[in-house]
N, C-alpha and C. Protein backbone atom coordinates (compact mmCIF):
# COMPACT_ATOMS: atom_id res chain seq x y z
N MET A 1 5.21 -50.40 -0.87
CA MET A 1 4.72 -49.62 0.23
C MET A 1 4.54 -50.47 1.47
N GLY A 2 4.40 -51.79 1.34
CA GLY A 2 4.13 -52.63 2.51
C GLY A 2 2.69 -52.45 2.91
N SER A 3 2.28 -53.11 3.93
CA SER A 3 0.91 -52.98 4.34
C SER A 3 0.77 -51.96 5.45
N GLN A 4 0.45 -50.75 5.07
CA GLN A 4 0.23 -49.70 6.06
C GLN A 4 -1.03 -49.96 6.85
N MET A 5 -2.04 -50.51 6.17
CA MET A 5 -3.33 -50.75 6.80
C MET A 5 -3.22 -51.78 7.92
N LEU A 6 -2.36 -52.76 7.76
CA LEU A 6 -2.34 -53.87 8.68
C LEU A 6 -1.40 -53.69 9.85
N THR A 7 -0.52 -52.74 9.79
CA THR A 7 0.32 -52.50 10.95
C THR A 7 -0.36 -51.43 11.77
N LYS A 8 -0.19 -51.50 13.05
CA LYS A 8 -0.91 -50.56 13.91
C LYS A 8 0.01 -50.03 14.98
N PRO A 9 -0.29 -48.85 15.46
CA PRO A 9 0.55 -48.26 16.48
C PRO A 9 0.30 -48.90 17.84
N ALA A 10 1.20 -48.65 18.74
CA ALA A 10 1.03 -49.16 20.09
C ALA A 10 -0.05 -48.38 20.81
N ARG A 11 -0.84 -49.05 21.62
CA ARG A 11 -1.86 -48.42 22.44
C ARG A 11 -1.20 -47.99 23.73
N ARG A 12 -1.45 -46.76 24.16
CA ARG A 12 -0.85 -46.28 25.39
C ARG A 12 -1.89 -46.21 26.50
N ILE A 13 -1.55 -46.69 27.67
CA ILE A 13 -2.38 -46.62 28.85
C ILE A 13 -1.69 -45.66 29.81
N SER A 14 -2.35 -44.59 30.19
CA SER A 14 -1.69 -43.56 30.98
C SER A 14 -1.71 -43.83 32.48
N ARG A 15 -2.41 -44.82 32.94
CA ARG A 15 -2.57 -45.07 34.37
C ARG A 15 -1.24 -45.35 35.06
N ASN A 16 -0.39 -46.13 34.48
CA ASN A 16 0.85 -46.52 35.13
C ASN A 16 1.94 -46.52 34.07
N SER A 17 2.96 -45.68 34.23
CA SER A 17 3.95 -45.52 33.17
C SER A 17 4.73 -46.80 32.89
N ILE A 18 5.02 -47.59 33.88
CA ILE A 18 5.73 -48.85 33.63
C ILE A 18 4.84 -49.79 32.84
N MET A 19 3.59 -49.90 33.27
CA MET A 19 2.63 -50.75 32.57
C MET A 19 2.46 -50.24 31.14
N SER A 20 2.41 -48.92 30.99
CA SER A 20 2.25 -48.31 29.69
C SER A 20 3.41 -48.67 28.76
N LYS A 21 4.63 -48.59 29.26
CA LYS A 21 5.78 -48.92 28.43
C LYS A 21 5.77 -50.38 28.03
N ASN A 22 5.39 -51.26 28.96
CA ASN A 22 5.32 -52.68 28.65
C ASN A 22 4.24 -52.96 27.61
N LEU A 23 3.08 -52.32 27.77
CA LEU A 23 2.00 -52.52 26.82
C LEU A 23 2.37 -51.97 25.45
N GLU A 24 3.00 -50.79 25.45
CA GLU A 24 3.40 -50.19 24.18
C GLU A 24 4.39 -51.11 23.46
N ALA A 25 5.35 -51.63 24.19
CA ALA A 25 6.32 -52.54 23.58
C ALA A 25 5.63 -53.80 23.08
N ARG A 26 4.69 -54.32 23.85
CA ARG A 26 3.96 -55.53 23.46
C ARG A 26 3.16 -55.27 22.18
N HIS A 27 2.47 -54.14 22.11
CA HIS A 27 1.67 -53.85 20.94
C HIS A 27 2.54 -53.55 19.72
N GLN A 28 3.67 -52.92 19.92
CA GLN A 28 4.59 -52.71 18.81
C GLN A 28 5.10 -54.06 18.30
N PHE A 29 5.40 -54.96 19.22
CA PHE A 29 5.85 -56.29 18.84
C PHE A 29 4.77 -57.01 18.04
N ILE A 30 3.52 -56.92 18.49
CA ILE A 30 2.40 -57.56 17.80
C ILE A 30 2.25 -56.97 16.40
N ALA A 31 2.36 -55.64 16.29
CA ALA A 31 2.23 -54.99 14.99
C ALA A 31 3.30 -55.48 14.02
N VAL A 32 4.52 -55.58 14.51
CA VAL A 32 5.61 -56.05 13.66
C VAL A 32 5.35 -57.50 13.25
N CYS A 33 4.92 -58.33 14.20
CA CYS A 33 4.65 -59.74 13.89
C CYS A 33 3.56 -59.88 12.84
N VAL A 34 2.47 -59.11 12.98
CA VAL A 34 1.38 -59.19 12.01
C VAL A 34 1.89 -58.80 10.63
N SER A 35 2.67 -57.73 10.57
CA SER A 35 3.22 -57.30 9.27
C SER A 35 4.10 -58.37 8.67
N LEU A 36 4.96 -58.94 9.47
CA LEU A 36 5.86 -59.98 8.96
C LEU A 36 5.11 -61.21 8.50
N LEU A 37 4.07 -61.57 9.24
CA LEU A 37 3.30 -62.76 8.88
C LEU A 37 2.63 -62.62 7.52
N LEU A 38 2.32 -61.40 7.14
CA LEU A 38 1.68 -61.21 5.84
C LEU A 38 2.63 -61.46 4.68
N PHE A 39 3.92 -61.37 4.94
CA PHE A 39 4.87 -61.46 3.85
C PHE A 39 5.75 -62.70 3.89
N VAL A 40 5.53 -63.56 4.84
CA VAL A 40 6.29 -64.81 4.90
C VAL A 40 5.32 -65.97 4.88
N THR A 41 5.82 -67.12 4.69
CA THR A 41 4.99 -68.31 4.65
C THR A 41 4.56 -68.68 6.06
N VAL A 42 3.25 -68.70 6.26
CA VAL A 42 2.70 -69.12 7.55
C VAL A 42 1.54 -70.07 7.28
N PRO A 43 1.25 -70.94 8.21
CA PRO A 43 0.12 -71.83 8.01
C PRO A 43 -1.19 -71.08 8.00
N SER A 44 -2.16 -71.60 7.29
CA SER A 44 -3.48 -71.01 7.36
C SER A 44 -4.13 -71.48 8.65
N CYS A 45 -5.44 -71.49 8.72
CA CYS A 45 -6.12 -71.80 9.97
C CYS A 45 -5.78 -73.20 10.51
N ARG A 46 -5.48 -74.13 9.64
CA ARG A 46 -5.16 -75.48 10.10
C ARG A 46 -3.68 -75.60 10.43
N VAL A 47 -3.41 -76.23 11.55
CA VAL A 47 -2.03 -76.43 11.96
C VAL A 47 -1.35 -77.39 10.99
N ASN A 48 -0.08 -77.13 10.69
CA ASN A 48 0.75 -77.98 9.83
C ASN A 48 0.24 -78.11 8.40
N THR A 49 -0.57 -77.16 7.94
CA THR A 49 -1.00 -77.16 6.56
C THR A 49 -0.06 -76.27 5.78
N PRO A 50 0.60 -76.81 4.76
CA PRO A 50 1.51 -75.97 3.99
C PRO A 50 0.74 -74.89 3.24
N VAL A 51 1.37 -73.72 3.08
CA VAL A 51 0.76 -72.62 2.37
C VAL A 51 1.04 -72.81 0.88
N SER A 52 -0.01 -72.83 0.11
CA SER A 52 0.15 -73.02 -1.33
C SER A 52 0.49 -71.69 -1.99
N LYS A 53 0.94 -71.78 -3.22
CA LYS A 53 1.21 -70.57 -4.00
C LYS A 53 -0.08 -69.76 -4.14
N ASP A 54 -1.21 -70.45 -4.31
CA ASP A 54 -2.49 -69.76 -4.44
C ASP A 54 -2.79 -68.96 -3.18
N ASN A 55 -2.49 -69.55 -2.00
CA ASN A 55 -2.75 -68.84 -0.75
C ASN A 55 -1.85 -67.62 -0.63
N LYS A 56 -0.58 -67.76 -1.01
CA LYS A 56 0.33 -66.61 -0.99
C LYS A 56 -0.17 -65.52 -1.93
N ASP A 57 -0.62 -65.92 -3.10
CA ASP A 57 -1.16 -64.96 -4.07
C ASP A 57 -2.40 -64.28 -3.50
N GLU A 58 -3.24 -65.06 -2.83
CA GLU A 58 -4.45 -64.50 -2.24
C GLU A 58 -4.09 -63.47 -1.17
N ARG A 59 -3.10 -63.77 -0.36
CA ARG A 59 -2.64 -62.83 0.67
C ARG A 59 -2.13 -61.55 0.02
N GLU A 60 -1.32 -61.71 -1.01
CA GLU A 60 -0.76 -60.53 -1.69
C GLU A 60 -1.86 -59.67 -2.31
N ARG A 61 -2.87 -60.32 -2.90
CA ARG A 61 -3.99 -59.57 -3.47
C ARG A 61 -4.77 -58.83 -2.37
N ALA A 62 -4.99 -59.51 -1.25
CA ALA A 62 -5.71 -58.88 -0.15
C ALA A 62 -4.94 -57.68 0.40
N VAL A 63 -3.64 -57.85 0.61
CA VAL A 63 -2.82 -56.76 1.13
C VAL A 63 -2.81 -55.59 0.15
N SER A 64 -2.68 -55.89 -1.13
CA SER A 64 -2.68 -54.84 -2.15
C SER A 64 -4.02 -54.09 -2.16
N ALA A 65 -5.11 -54.84 -2.10
CA ALA A 65 -6.44 -54.20 -2.07
C ALA A 65 -6.62 -53.35 -0.82
N LEU A 66 -6.16 -53.86 0.33
CA LEU A 66 -6.27 -53.09 1.57
C LEU A 66 -5.42 -51.84 1.52
N ASP A 67 -4.23 -51.93 0.97
CA ASP A 67 -3.39 -50.73 0.83
C ASP A 67 -4.06 -49.69 -0.06
N GLU A 68 -4.67 -50.15 -1.12
CA GLU A 68 -5.37 -49.22 -2.03
C GLU A 68 -6.54 -48.55 -1.31
N MET A 69 -7.32 -49.32 -0.56
CA MET A 69 -8.44 -48.76 0.19
C MET A 69 -7.95 -47.78 1.26
N TYR A 70 -6.85 -48.13 1.91
CA TYR A 70 -6.30 -47.26 2.94
C TYR A 70 -5.82 -45.95 2.32
N ASP A 71 -5.16 -46.02 1.17
CA ASP A 71 -4.73 -44.79 0.48
C ASP A 71 -5.94 -43.92 0.14
N LYS A 72 -7.02 -44.54 -0.31
CA LYS A 72 -8.24 -43.79 -0.64
C LYS A 72 -8.88 -43.22 0.61
N TYR A 73 -8.83 -43.97 1.70
CA TYR A 73 -9.31 -43.46 3.00
C TYR A 73 -8.52 -42.20 3.38
N LEU A 74 -7.21 -42.26 3.24
CA LEU A 74 -6.37 -41.13 3.62
C LEU A 74 -6.58 -39.90 2.74
N SER A 75 -6.89 -40.11 1.48
CA SER A 75 -6.97 -38.99 0.54
C SER A 75 -8.40 -38.54 0.23
N GLY A 76 -9.38 -39.23 0.77
CA GLY A 76 -10.77 -38.97 0.38
C GLY A 76 -11.52 -37.97 1.24
N THR A 77 -12.70 -37.65 0.76
CA THR A 77 -13.66 -36.86 1.52
C THR A 77 -14.16 -37.74 2.68
N PRO A 78 -14.92 -37.16 3.60
CA PRO A 78 -15.47 -38.02 4.67
C PRO A 78 -16.27 -39.21 4.12
N THR A 79 -17.07 -38.98 3.08
CA THR A 79 -17.87 -40.05 2.50
C THR A 79 -16.98 -41.11 1.85
N GLU A 80 -15.96 -40.68 1.10
CA GLU A 80 -15.03 -41.62 0.46
C GLU A 80 -14.20 -42.37 1.50
N ALA A 81 -13.75 -41.66 2.53
CA ALA A 81 -12.96 -42.30 3.59
C ALA A 81 -13.80 -43.38 4.27
N ARG A 82 -15.03 -43.04 4.60
CA ARG A 82 -15.93 -44.01 5.25
C ARG A 82 -16.15 -45.22 4.36
N SER A 83 -16.47 -44.98 3.12
CA SER A 83 -16.74 -46.07 2.17
C SER A 83 -15.54 -47.00 2.03
N ASN A 84 -14.35 -46.43 1.91
CA ASN A 84 -13.15 -47.25 1.74
C ASN A 84 -12.79 -48.00 3.01
N MET A 85 -12.97 -47.40 4.18
CA MET A 85 -12.66 -48.12 5.41
C MET A 85 -13.68 -49.22 5.65
N LEU A 86 -14.95 -48.97 5.35
CA LEU A 86 -15.96 -50.03 5.47
C LEU A 86 -15.66 -51.18 4.51
N SER A 87 -15.22 -50.85 3.30
CA SER A 87 -14.85 -51.89 2.33
C SER A 87 -13.65 -52.68 2.82
N ALA A 88 -12.67 -51.99 3.41
CA ALA A 88 -11.49 -52.68 3.94
C ALA A 88 -11.89 -53.64 5.06
N ILE A 89 -12.74 -53.17 5.95
CA ILE A 89 -13.19 -54.02 7.07
C ILE A 89 -13.98 -55.21 6.53
N SER A 90 -14.81 -54.98 5.55
CA SER A 90 -15.57 -56.08 4.95
C SER A 90 -14.64 -57.10 4.32
N LEU A 91 -13.62 -56.63 3.62
CA LEU A 91 -12.63 -57.54 3.02
C LEU A 91 -11.92 -58.35 4.10
N MET A 92 -11.55 -57.69 5.20
CA MET A 92 -10.87 -58.40 6.29
C MET A 92 -11.77 -59.47 6.88
N HIS A 93 -13.03 -59.10 7.17
CA HIS A 93 -13.96 -60.07 7.75
C HIS A 93 -14.19 -61.26 6.81
N SER A 94 -14.37 -60.99 5.53
CA SER A 94 -14.71 -62.07 4.61
C SER A 94 -13.52 -62.97 4.28
N ASN A 95 -12.31 -62.53 4.57
CA ASN A 95 -11.13 -63.32 4.23
C ASN A 95 -10.33 -63.81 5.43
N CYS A 96 -10.72 -63.46 6.64
CA CYS A 96 -9.87 -63.79 7.79
C CYS A 96 -9.83 -65.29 8.09
N ALA A 97 -10.78 -66.06 7.60
CA ALA A 97 -10.69 -67.52 7.80
C ALA A 97 -9.56 -68.10 6.97
N ARG A 98 -9.36 -67.56 5.76
CA ARG A 98 -8.29 -68.04 4.88
C ARG A 98 -6.98 -67.31 5.14
N ILE A 99 -7.08 -66.07 5.64
CA ILE A 99 -5.90 -65.25 5.91
C ILE A 99 -6.06 -64.70 7.33
N PRO A 100 -5.76 -65.51 8.35
CA PRO A 100 -6.04 -65.14 9.74
C PRO A 100 -5.38 -63.83 10.19
N GLU A 101 -4.27 -63.47 9.58
CA GLU A 101 -3.56 -62.26 10.00
C GLU A 101 -4.39 -60.99 9.77
N LEU A 102 -5.39 -61.07 8.91
CA LEU A 102 -6.22 -59.89 8.64
C LEU A 102 -6.97 -59.44 9.88
N GLN A 103 -7.23 -60.37 10.80
CA GLN A 103 -7.94 -60.00 12.03
C GLN A 103 -7.18 -58.94 12.81
N GLY A 104 -5.86 -58.94 12.69
CA GLY A 104 -5.05 -57.98 13.43
C GLY A 104 -5.29 -56.54 13.05
N ALA A 105 -5.88 -56.29 11.90
CA ALA A 105 -6.13 -54.92 11.46
C ALA A 105 -7.56 -54.46 11.71
N LEU A 106 -8.41 -55.34 12.15
CA LEU A 106 -9.80 -54.96 12.37
C LEU A 106 -9.93 -53.89 13.46
N ARG A 107 -9.15 -54.01 14.52
CA ARG A 107 -9.24 -53.03 15.60
C ARG A 107 -8.96 -51.62 15.09
N ILE A 108 -7.85 -51.43 14.40
CA ILE A 108 -7.49 -50.09 13.95
C ILE A 108 -8.48 -49.60 12.88
N GLY A 109 -9.02 -50.52 12.08
CA GLY A 109 -10.05 -50.12 11.11
C GLY A 109 -11.28 -49.55 11.80
N TYR A 110 -11.72 -50.24 12.84
CA TYR A 110 -12.88 -49.72 13.59
C TYR A 110 -12.53 -48.44 14.35
N GLU A 111 -11.31 -48.33 14.84
CA GLU A 111 -10.91 -47.08 15.49
C GLU A 111 -10.94 -45.92 14.50
N ARG A 112 -10.51 -46.18 13.27
CA ARG A 112 -10.55 -45.13 12.24
C ARG A 112 -11.99 -44.71 11.95
N LEU A 113 -12.88 -45.67 11.84
CA LEU A 113 -14.29 -45.33 11.61
C LEU A 113 -14.88 -44.57 12.79
N SER A 114 -14.50 -44.95 14.00
CA SER A 114 -14.98 -44.25 15.19
C SER A 114 -14.57 -42.78 15.15
N LEU A 115 -13.31 -42.53 14.83
CA LEU A 115 -12.83 -41.15 14.74
C LEU A 115 -13.57 -40.38 13.65
N LEU A 116 -13.68 -40.97 12.48
CA LEU A 116 -14.37 -40.30 11.37
C LEU A 116 -15.79 -39.92 11.76
N GLU A 117 -16.54 -40.88 12.29
CA GLU A 117 -17.94 -40.60 12.66
C GLU A 117 -18.03 -39.57 13.78
N ARG A 118 -17.10 -39.59 14.69
CA ARG A 118 -17.09 -38.60 15.77
C ARG A 118 -16.86 -37.21 15.21
N LYS A 119 -15.93 -37.09 14.26
CA LYS A 119 -15.61 -35.79 13.67
C LYS A 119 -16.76 -35.23 12.84
N VAL A 120 -17.54 -36.10 12.19
CA VAL A 120 -18.66 -35.60 11.40
C VAL A 120 -19.95 -35.48 12.22
N GLY A 121 -19.87 -35.78 13.51
CA GLY A 121 -21.01 -35.56 14.40
C GLY A 121 -21.94 -36.74 14.61
N ASN A 122 -21.56 -37.91 14.15
CA ASN A 122 -22.38 -39.11 14.35
C ASN A 122 -21.91 -39.82 15.62
N GLU A 123 -22.24 -39.26 16.77
CA GLU A 123 -21.74 -39.77 18.05
C GLU A 123 -22.13 -41.22 18.31
N ALA A 124 -23.38 -41.57 18.05
CA ALA A 124 -23.83 -42.94 18.34
C ALA A 124 -23.06 -43.95 17.48
N LEU A 125 -22.94 -43.66 16.20
CA LEU A 125 -22.22 -44.57 15.31
C LEU A 125 -20.74 -44.62 15.68
N SER A 126 -20.19 -43.48 16.05
CA SER A 126 -18.80 -43.45 16.51
C SER A 126 -18.62 -44.38 17.70
N ARG A 127 -19.54 -44.33 18.62
CA ARG A 127 -19.46 -45.17 19.82
C ARG A 127 -19.56 -46.65 19.47
N VAL A 128 -20.45 -46.98 18.51
CA VAL A 128 -20.59 -48.37 18.08
C VAL A 128 -19.26 -48.87 17.50
N TYR A 129 -18.64 -48.07 16.65
CA TYR A 129 -17.36 -48.47 16.06
C TYR A 129 -16.26 -48.57 17.12
N PHE A 130 -16.29 -47.67 18.09
CA PHE A 130 -15.30 -47.75 19.17
C PHE A 130 -15.47 -49.06 19.95
N GLU A 131 -16.70 -49.43 20.24
CA GLU A 131 -16.95 -50.68 20.96
C GLU A 131 -16.52 -51.89 20.13
N LYS A 132 -16.69 -51.83 18.83
CA LYS A 132 -16.21 -52.92 17.97
C LYS A 132 -14.69 -53.00 18.04
N SER A 133 -14.02 -51.85 18.06
CA SER A 133 -12.55 -51.87 18.17
C SER A 133 -12.13 -52.48 19.51
N ARG A 134 -12.88 -52.18 20.56
CA ARG A 134 -12.57 -52.77 21.87
C ARG A 134 -12.75 -54.28 21.84
N TYR A 135 -13.77 -54.78 21.13
CA TYR A 135 -13.95 -56.22 21.00
C TYR A 135 -12.70 -56.84 20.38
N TRP A 136 -12.20 -56.24 19.30
CA TRP A 136 -11.03 -56.82 18.63
C TRP A 136 -9.77 -56.68 19.47
N LEU A 137 -9.74 -55.68 20.33
CA LEU A 137 -8.62 -55.56 21.27
C LEU A 137 -8.68 -56.71 22.28
N ILE A 138 -9.86 -57.02 22.77
CA ILE A 138 -10.03 -58.16 23.68
C ILE A 138 -9.61 -59.45 22.96
N TYR A 139 -10.07 -59.61 21.74
CA TYR A 139 -9.74 -60.80 20.96
C TYR A 139 -8.22 -60.95 20.83
N GLU A 140 -7.54 -59.86 20.45
CA GLU A 140 -6.07 -59.90 20.31
C GLU A 140 -5.40 -60.29 21.63
N ASP A 141 -5.86 -59.67 22.72
CA ASP A 141 -5.26 -59.96 24.03
C ASP A 141 -5.49 -61.41 24.45
N GLU A 142 -6.67 -61.95 24.17
CA GLU A 142 -6.94 -63.35 24.48
C GLU A 142 -6.04 -64.28 23.67
N GLN A 143 -5.80 -63.92 22.41
CA GLN A 143 -4.97 -64.75 21.55
C GLN A 143 -3.54 -64.86 22.04
N ILE A 144 -3.05 -63.83 22.72
CA ILE A 144 -1.68 -63.88 23.23
C ILE A 144 -1.64 -64.33 24.69
N GLY A 145 -2.80 -64.74 25.23
CA GLY A 145 -2.82 -65.35 26.55
C GLY A 145 -2.88 -64.40 27.74
N ARG A 146 -3.30 -63.17 27.51
CA ARG A 146 -3.40 -62.25 28.65
C ARG A 146 -4.56 -62.66 29.56
N LYS A 147 -4.40 -62.43 30.85
CA LYS A 147 -5.43 -62.78 31.82
C LYS A 147 -6.61 -61.83 31.70
N PRO A 148 -7.83 -62.35 31.91
CA PRO A 148 -9.03 -61.51 31.81
C PRO A 148 -8.98 -60.26 32.70
N GLU A 149 -8.42 -60.40 33.90
CA GLU A 149 -8.35 -59.26 34.81
C GLU A 149 -7.49 -58.13 34.23
N VAL A 150 -6.40 -58.50 33.58
CA VAL A 150 -5.51 -57.52 32.97
C VAL A 150 -6.17 -56.88 31.75
N ILE A 151 -6.83 -57.71 30.96
CA ILE A 151 -7.52 -57.20 29.77
C ILE A 151 -8.55 -56.16 30.18
N ILE A 152 -9.38 -56.49 31.15
CA ILE A 152 -10.44 -55.58 31.58
C ILE A 152 -9.87 -54.32 32.21
N SER A 153 -8.83 -54.45 33.00
CA SER A 153 -8.21 -53.28 33.61
C SER A 153 -7.70 -52.32 32.54
N ASP A 154 -7.02 -52.85 31.54
CA ASP A 154 -6.53 -52.01 30.45
C ASP A 154 -7.68 -51.42 29.65
N LEU A 155 -8.69 -52.23 29.40
CA LEU A 155 -9.83 -51.78 28.62
C LEU A 155 -10.59 -50.67 29.32
N ASP A 156 -10.72 -50.78 30.64
CA ASP A 156 -11.43 -49.75 31.40
C ASP A 156 -10.76 -48.38 31.31
N SER A 157 -9.46 -48.37 31.09
CA SER A 157 -8.77 -47.09 31.03
C SER A 157 -8.52 -46.62 29.59
N PHE A 158 -8.95 -47.39 28.60
CA PHE A 158 -8.75 -47.03 27.20
C PHE A 158 -9.98 -46.28 26.70
N THR A 159 -9.82 -45.00 26.41
CA THR A 159 -10.94 -44.14 26.04
C THR A 159 -11.00 -43.86 24.55
N ARG A 160 -12.12 -43.28 24.12
CA ARG A 160 -12.22 -42.88 22.71
C ARG A 160 -11.21 -41.79 22.39
N ASP A 161 -10.94 -40.91 23.33
CA ASP A 161 -9.93 -39.87 23.09
C ASP A 161 -8.57 -40.50 22.82
N GLU A 162 -8.19 -41.51 23.61
CA GLU A 162 -6.92 -42.21 23.38
C GLU A 162 -6.93 -42.93 22.04
N SER A 163 -8.05 -43.55 21.72
CA SER A 163 -8.20 -44.23 20.44
C SER A 163 -8.03 -43.24 19.28
N ASP A 164 -8.69 -42.08 19.40
CA ASP A 164 -8.58 -41.06 18.35
C ASP A 164 -7.14 -40.58 18.19
N LYS A 165 -6.46 -40.36 19.31
CA LYS A 165 -5.06 -39.91 19.26
C LYS A 165 -4.19 -40.96 18.58
N GLU A 166 -4.45 -42.22 18.88
CA GLU A 166 -3.69 -43.31 18.27
C GLU A 166 -3.87 -43.33 16.76
N VAL A 167 -5.11 -43.19 16.30
CA VAL A 167 -5.39 -43.19 14.87
C VAL A 167 -4.73 -41.99 14.19
N ILE A 168 -4.89 -40.81 14.78
CA ILE A 168 -4.31 -39.60 14.19
C ILE A 168 -2.79 -39.72 14.13
N LYS A 169 -2.19 -40.22 15.21
CA LYS A 169 -0.74 -40.38 15.23
C LYS A 169 -0.29 -41.33 14.13
N TRP A 170 -0.97 -42.47 14.01
CA TRP A 170 -0.58 -43.46 13.01
C TRP A 170 -0.77 -42.92 11.59
N ASP A 171 -1.94 -42.33 11.33
CA ASP A 171 -2.20 -41.82 9.98
C ASP A 171 -1.26 -40.66 9.65
N ASN A 172 -0.92 -39.84 10.63
CA ASN A 172 0.06 -38.76 10.40
C ASN A 172 1.43 -39.33 10.09
N THR A 173 1.80 -40.41 10.76
CA THR A 173 3.09 -41.05 10.49
C THR A 173 3.13 -41.58 9.06
N VAL A 174 2.08 -42.27 8.66
CA VAL A 174 2.03 -42.84 7.31
C VAL A 174 2.06 -41.75 6.24
N THR A 175 1.39 -40.62 6.52
CA THR A 175 1.31 -39.54 5.52
C THR A 175 2.39 -38.48 5.73
N LYS A 176 3.36 -38.79 6.56
CA LYS A 176 4.47 -37.86 6.85
C LYS A 176 3.96 -36.50 7.34
N GLY A 177 3.02 -36.55 8.28
CA GLY A 177 2.52 -35.35 8.93
C GLY A 177 1.30 -34.71 8.30
N VAL A 178 0.87 -35.21 7.16
CA VAL A 178 -0.27 -34.61 6.47
C VAL A 178 -1.59 -35.03 7.11
N GLY A 179 -1.73 -36.30 7.44
CA GLY A 179 -2.96 -36.82 8.03
C GLY A 179 -4.03 -37.06 6.98
N PRO A 180 -5.14 -37.65 7.40
CA PRO A 180 -6.24 -37.93 6.46
C PRO A 180 -6.85 -36.63 5.93
N ALA A 181 -7.14 -36.61 4.65
CA ALA A 181 -7.71 -35.42 4.01
C ALA A 181 -9.06 -35.05 4.61
N TYR A 182 -9.86 -36.04 4.97
CA TYR A 182 -11.20 -35.73 5.47
C TYR A 182 -11.17 -34.88 6.74
N LEU A 183 -10.12 -35.02 7.55
CA LEU A 183 -10.04 -34.21 8.77
C LEU A 183 -9.94 -32.73 8.46
N LYS A 184 -9.25 -32.38 7.40
CA LYS A 184 -9.13 -30.99 7.01
C LYS A 184 -10.42 -30.44 6.42
N GLN A 185 -11.22 -31.33 5.83
CA GLN A 185 -12.46 -30.90 5.19
C GLN A 185 -13.58 -30.63 6.18
N ILE A 186 -13.51 -31.18 7.38
CA ILE A 186 -14.61 -31.02 8.33
C ILE A 186 -14.28 -30.10 9.50
N ARG A 187 -13.11 -29.51 9.49
CA ARG A 187 -12.75 -28.61 10.60
C ARG A 187 -13.36 -27.27 10.43
C-alpha cells in the first residue's frame, strides 16, 4: 500500500494563481521526496552515518504501524478516528529523532485532527490542532530555506477551511472517493 499517512497533498494558496501553482508544485515535490525517503537508504539525524539494517527495519515497522492507524482512522467512528490519529502523531513524535522523515507527516496529522474536532463541534480543540499544523508547516518551510516573509505571507492566507478541503481531498483520493467513515456518521 505504501505510506498513505506520510504523503500529503499540495497546499493551495488562492491569493495569486502563479504563486499557488509554484507552491502546489513545491509541496507535491516535498510529498514525493518524503515518501521516497522512507523507502530508500538515507542517513539518520547524523550526517554521514550509514543506515543499519536495524534502522531500515525500524522505519518499515513505523511506516507499517502508521498505515494501520491511518486505515483505522479512515474506517472508524469519530472516537476511533481520533484515537488512531492521536496514536499516529504520538508515534511520529516519539520516533522522529531516529526517523526524521516522520516529521513530514505531522502537519497533515494535525490537519486531520483539526477537521475531525471541527466536525464534532469541538471548535477550541480544532483550532489548537490547526495551529499545531501551522507550526509544522513553518518548520517544513524553514527546512527547505524559505524566507520568513514568504512563510508568513503564505501562512496568513492559509485558513482552516483550506486545511479542511486539503484533508478531505487527500482522504477521498486514498479511499477512491469514499472519504473517512466518521464524516458520514456525524452529518
